[in-house]
């Protein structure tokens, strides 16, 4: 029986033009992050299952691809628990592996430590259009910096990377987990009700205010109404009004939280004065990960129904690996969404060196070698079939110019393809 050559459901093959776009995105983001002083690291695809399922990954923990332990026998007892069979899992994001990486290597790393990483992650998603079980994430993190230097720098570096890719119209949304907790408590919501409240509030962009109120109908009405009224009143705040309005709306909010938000807001306003950047304080922004402890942020784009980047401060997560708390803040770019927003492959100059059968191969290789010495792409190809058809194939493959070598003609003339 003939084997199906299709990739597994929820995965895909990537052809050269698609890979070229991805390489361009990777190189552009990496170049910007390097300018800000961030160093690239790599972490394994596999992590200890106990770390991955430790309660800090939110809903993603339900989507872990688990890996069976080596050495299992061919048959198992009927009542064998799954937990007895599994010891590893494929990472579902890059943040949880980063915390283990830092706990293991912190003695050899500078403080603060600026890092970024690109790599595939895996989630057992239900296969459907636009959702893949394997996809690439791109994270930038600043570890060991307690001040809002981390938040301000990460937002600036990430928005600059997206701008370098040619994306216009991006908008930053900013909030703070500490503010959200204080608002909920001040409104009278219990600890248990707060979790349910914020889970629903996080769906606002998908179900609207009416949908939020409907889903919150099971919670105590008075605290919910108070919290929603305060949240709604804070939407669309001007930069110079954020600090005072937050303090008035949530009197129990720590002054340090207000001051830190005001500092980040001021830095965003400064960046917006130098290049195109829109931002807003968004009290409806929650973010689903359970490990955020302070400011949180997302970046949106007009052509995307979902955010294209998101992150925040997670001061307590590294402590699980190190035994002591270490301040940390990170930003993750939705690599796949960014790739989808770019219309076409990046332009590149590629010369096709076409040679007739009576031209020595050594000469064709030598001509290509000289072209590559000028930091250009040159591909050697034997002449075959009808010339017009072959030139059409070369142009379709992305070559922009041609050197045609014939016997007895020692000249090396380059001419553009498609003309």
Foldseek 3Di string as FASTA:
>chain_A
DDDDPADPFQDHDDDPFLVLLLVVLVVLLVVLLVVVPAAEDDFDQKDFLCLLCVQQFFPQNVFWAFDFDPPDDPDDDPPDDPVVGTTMTGAQDVPSRVLLVCQVCVVVADPFHKYKYKDKGATNDDGDPPGGRIDMKIKIKTWQDPACVGVLSQVVSVVVSLVSVVAPDKEKEKEKPLLLVLLLVQLPHDPVLSVVLLVLLQCCLPQNPVSSCVSSVVPDDRSSVLSVVLQVVQWPDDLVCQLVSSCVSRVPRDNVLSVRVNVSSVSQVVVCVVDPYHYTHHSSNDDRGPQAHIMKMFMPGPVDSDTQKIWHWRQASSCVSNVDTITMIMMMGNSVVSSVVDDTRDAFAEEEEEEEPPDDPVLSVVVQVVVCVVVHHYHYDYDDDDPVVVLVVCVVVRHFWYFYYYPPDPDTDIDTGPD
